[in-house]
Amino acid sequence: MPGFCKSVSLDEIREKDYVLTPGRHIGLPEDEDDFDLAERFGKLRAELAEQMKEEVRLNQLIRENLAKLEFKE
């Protein structure tokens, strides 16, 4: 099954210099991937922008709360 498992002969293992790394033997599955990098990157970029806005808001809230604390030495 491409991408999952494969039974190979000892000759094939010798040909690959006894390297048993799965990628050398099983290959990749033949799945068609409808992954759209530009679309995914755009979504991730928008998500990051929102998280950075939230970071600014939370940092300001932390500063305000720290300013309210009084410490006696």
N, C-alpha and C. Protein backbone atom coordinates (compact mmCIF):
# COMPACT_ATOMS: atom_id res chain seq x y z
N MET A 1 0.86 -1.18 0.00
CA MET A 1 0.00 0.00 0.00
C MET A 1 0.90 1.24 0.00
N PRO A 2 0.92 1.98 -1.08
CA PRO A 2 1.77 3.18 -1.13
C PRO A 2 1.48 4.14 0.03
N GLY A 3 2.54 4.59 0.66
CA GLY A 3 2.39 5.54 1.76
C GLY A 3 2.15 4.87 3.09
N PHE A 4 1.96 3.53 3.10
CA PHE A 4 1.67 2.85 4.36
C PHE A 4 2.65 1.71 4.63
N CYS A 5 2.71 0.74 3.73
CA CYS A 5 3.62 -0.39 3.95
C CYS A 5 4.00 -1.03 2.61
N LYS A 6 5.06 -1.85 2.65
CA LYS A 6 5.51 -2.54 1.45
C LYS A 6 6.37 -3.72 1.86
N SER A 7 6.22 -4.80 1.17
CA SER A 7 7.06 -5.97 1.37
C SER A 7 8.10 -5.95 0.26
N VAL A 8 9.38 -5.95 0.63
CA VAL A 8 10.44 -5.88 -0.38
C VAL A 8 11.38 -7.07 -0.22
N SER A 9 12.06 -7.37 -1.29
CA SER A 9 13.02 -8.47 -1.28
C SER A 9 14.34 -8.01 -0.67
N LEU A 10 15.12 -8.97 -0.26
CA LEU A 10 16.45 -8.66 0.28
C LEU A 10 17.30 -7.97 -0.79
N ASP A 11 17.11 -8.34 -2.05
CA ASP A 11 17.86 -7.69 -3.14
C ASP A 11 17.56 -6.19 -3.20
N GLU A 12 16.28 -5.84 -3.05
CA GLU A 12 15.92 -4.41 -3.07
C GLU A 12 16.53 -3.69 -1.88
N ILE A 13 16.57 -4.34 -0.74
CA ILE A 13 17.19 -3.73 0.44
C ILE A 13 18.69 -3.52 0.20
N ARG A 14 19.33 -4.50 -0.42
CA ARG A 14 20.76 -4.37 -0.75
C ARG A 14 20.98 -3.19 -1.71
N GLU A 15 20.09 -3.09 -2.73
CA GLU A 15 20.20 -2.01 -3.71
C GLU A 15 20.15 -0.64 -3.04
N LYS A 16 19.43 -0.55 -1.96
CA LYS A 16 19.30 0.73 -1.25
C LYS A 16 20.28 0.81 -0.09
N ASP A 17 21.35 0.02 -0.19
CA ASP A 17 22.46 0.04 0.77
C ASP A 17 21.98 -0.23 2.20
N TYR A 18 21.03 -1.14 2.33
CA TYR A 18 20.49 -1.59 3.61
C TYR A 18 19.84 -0.49 4.44
N VAL A 19 19.50 0.59 3.79
CA VAL A 19 18.80 1.68 4.48
C VAL A 19 17.33 1.29 4.57
N LEU A 20 16.80 1.25 5.80
CA LEU A 20 15.43 0.81 6.01
C LEU A 20 14.46 1.95 6.31
N THR A 21 14.87 3.15 6.00
CA THR A 21 14.00 4.31 6.20
C THR A 21 12.72 4.11 5.38
N PRO A 22 11.55 4.22 6.01
CA PRO A 22 10.30 3.94 5.29
C PRO A 22 10.14 4.72 3.99
N GLY A 23 10.57 5.97 3.96
CA GLY A 23 10.42 6.77 2.76
C GLY A 23 11.12 6.19 1.54
N ARG A 24 12.17 5.44 1.78
CA ARG A 24 12.90 4.83 0.68
C ARG A 24 12.15 3.65 0.07
N HIS A 25 11.23 3.08 0.81
CA HIS A 25 10.57 1.86 0.36
C HIS A 25 9.09 2.02 0.08
N ILE A 26 8.39 2.77 0.92
CA ILE A 26 6.93 2.80 0.76
C ILE A 26 6.44 3.90 -0.16
N GLY A 27 7.22 4.93 -0.37
CA GLY A 27 6.79 6.02 -1.24
C GLY A 27 5.68 6.83 -0.60
N LEU A 28 4.99 7.58 -1.41
CA LEU A 28 3.90 8.44 -0.94
C LEU A 28 2.58 7.95 -1.51
N PRO A 29 1.51 8.13 -0.77
CA PRO A 29 0.21 7.74 -1.32
C PRO A 29 -0.15 8.60 -2.53
N GLU A 30 -0.99 8.08 -3.37
CA GLU A 30 -1.39 8.78 -4.60
C GLU A 30 -2.60 9.68 -4.38
N ASP A 31 -2.76 10.20 -3.20
CA ASP A 31 -3.91 11.05 -2.90
C ASP A 31 -3.78 12.39 -3.61
N GLU A 32 -4.88 12.85 -4.15
CA GLU A 32 -4.93 14.20 -4.69
C GLU A 32 -5.23 15.13 -3.53
N ASP A 33 -4.40 16.08 -3.33
CA ASP A 33 -4.57 17.01 -2.22
C ASP A 33 -5.09 18.33 -2.77
N ASP A 34 -6.23 18.78 -2.25
CA ASP A 34 -6.79 20.04 -2.73
C ASP A 34 -6.33 21.21 -1.85
N PHE A 35 -5.17 21.06 -1.26
CA PHE A 35 -4.59 22.07 -0.39
C PHE A 35 -4.22 23.30 -1.21
N ASP A 36 -4.74 24.45 -0.82
CA ASP A 36 -4.44 25.71 -1.51
C ASP A 36 -3.58 26.55 -0.58
N LEU A 37 -2.30 26.59 -0.86
CA LEU A 37 -1.35 27.28 0.00
C LEU A 37 -1.70 28.76 0.15
N ALA A 38 -2.04 29.43 -0.93
CA ALA A 38 -2.34 30.86 -0.86
C ALA A 38 -3.55 31.11 0.04
N GLU A 39 -4.58 30.27 -0.10
CA GLU A 39 -5.78 30.42 0.74
C GLU A 39 -5.45 30.16 2.20
N ARG A 40 -4.73 29.07 2.45
CA ARG A 40 -4.38 28.72 3.83
C ARG A 40 -3.49 29.79 4.46
N PHE A 41 -2.52 30.29 3.70
CA PHE A 41 -1.62 31.31 4.22
C PHE A 41 -2.40 32.59 4.54
N GLY A 42 -3.35 32.95 3.69
CA GLY A 42 -4.18 34.13 3.93
C GLY A 42 -4.97 34.01 5.22
N LYS A 43 -5.55 32.83 5.44
CA LYS A 43 -6.30 32.60 6.67
C LYS A 43 -5.39 32.68 7.89
N LEU A 44 -4.23 32.06 7.80
CA LEU A 44 -3.28 32.09 8.92
C LEU A 44 -2.79 33.51 9.20
N ARG A 45 -2.56 34.27 8.15
CA ARG A 45 -2.11 35.65 8.31
C ARG A 45 -3.18 36.49 9.01
N ALA A 46 -4.45 36.31 8.61
CA ALA A 46 -5.55 37.04 9.24
C ALA A 46 -5.69 36.63 10.71
N GLU A 47 -5.55 35.34 10.97
CA GLU A 47 -5.63 34.85 12.35
C GLU A 47 -4.51 35.44 13.21
N LEU A 48 -3.31 35.49 12.66
CA LEU A 48 -2.19 36.07 13.38
C LEU A 48 -2.43 37.56 13.66
N ALA A 49 -2.96 38.28 12.71
CA ALA A 49 -3.23 39.72 12.89
C ALA A 49 -4.22 39.91 14.04
N GLU A 50 -5.26 39.09 14.10
CA GLU A 50 -6.24 39.18 15.19
C GLU A 50 -5.59 38.86 16.53
N GLN A 51 -4.75 37.85 16.56
CA GLN A 51 -4.06 37.48 17.80
C GLN A 51 -3.11 38.58 18.26
N MET A 52 -2.48 39.26 17.32
CA MET A 52 -1.58 40.34 17.69
C MET A 52 -2.36 41.53 18.25
N LYS A 53 -3.55 41.81 17.71
CA LYS A 53 -4.40 42.86 18.28
C LYS A 53 -4.80 42.50 19.70
N GLU A 54 -5.15 41.24 19.90
CA GLU A 54 -5.53 40.78 21.24
C GLU A 54 -4.35 40.88 22.20
N GLU A 55 -3.15 40.60 21.70
CA GLU A 55 -1.95 40.73 22.52
C GLU A 55 -1.79 42.16 23.03
N VAL A 56 -1.97 43.13 22.15
CA VAL A 56 -1.85 44.54 22.54
C VAL A 56 -2.87 44.87 23.62
N ARG A 57 -4.11 44.43 23.42
CA ARG A 57 -5.18 44.69 24.39
C ARG A 57 -4.85 44.06 25.75
N LEU A 58 -4.41 42.83 25.73
CA LEU A 58 -4.10 42.13 26.98
C LEU A 58 -2.89 42.74 27.68
N ASN A 59 -1.87 43.14 26.91
CA ASN A 59 -0.71 43.78 27.52
C ASN A 59 -1.10 45.08 28.21
N GLN A 60 -1.98 45.85 27.58
CA GLN A 60 -2.44 47.09 28.19
C GLN A 60 -3.22 46.80 29.48
N LEU A 61 -4.06 45.79 29.45
CA LEU A 61 -4.83 45.41 30.63
C LEU A 61 -3.90 44.98 31.77
N ILE A 62 -2.87 44.25 31.45
CA ILE A 62 -1.89 43.84 32.46
C ILE A 62 -1.20 45.06 33.05
N ARG A 63 -0.78 45.99 32.20
CA ARG A 63 -0.12 47.21 32.70
C ARG A 63 -1.05 47.98 33.64
N GLU A 64 -2.31 48.10 33.25
CA GLU A 64 -3.28 48.82 34.10
C GLU A 64 -3.46 48.12 35.44
N ASN A 65 -3.56 46.82 35.44
CA ASN A 65 -3.73 46.08 36.69
C ASN A 65 -2.47 46.14 37.56
N LEU A 66 -1.31 46.10 36.94
CA LEU A 66 -0.07 46.22 37.72
C LEU A 66 0.05 47.60 38.35
N ALA A 67 -0.41 48.63 37.65
CA ALA A 67 -0.35 50.00 38.17
C ALA A 67 -1.25 50.16 39.39
N LYS A 68 -2.28 49.35 39.50
CA LYS A 68 -3.21 49.43 40.63
C LYS A 68 -2.64 48.79 41.90
N LEU A 69 -1.65 47.97 41.74
CA LEU A 69 -1.07 47.27 42.90
C LEU A 69 -0.16 48.20 43.69
N GLU A 70 -0.28 48.14 44.99
CA GLU A 70 0.62 48.90 45.85
C GLU A 70 1.45 47.92 46.64
N PHE A 71 2.75 48.11 46.60
CA PHE A 71 3.65 47.23 47.35
C PHE A 71 4.27 48.03 48.47
N LYS A 72 4.27 47.44 49.65
CA LYS A 72 4.92 48.07 50.80
C LYS A 72 6.21 47.32 51.06
N GLU A 73 7.27 48.08 51.19
CA GLU A 73 8.58 47.46 51.43
C GLU A 73 8.91 47.47 52.89
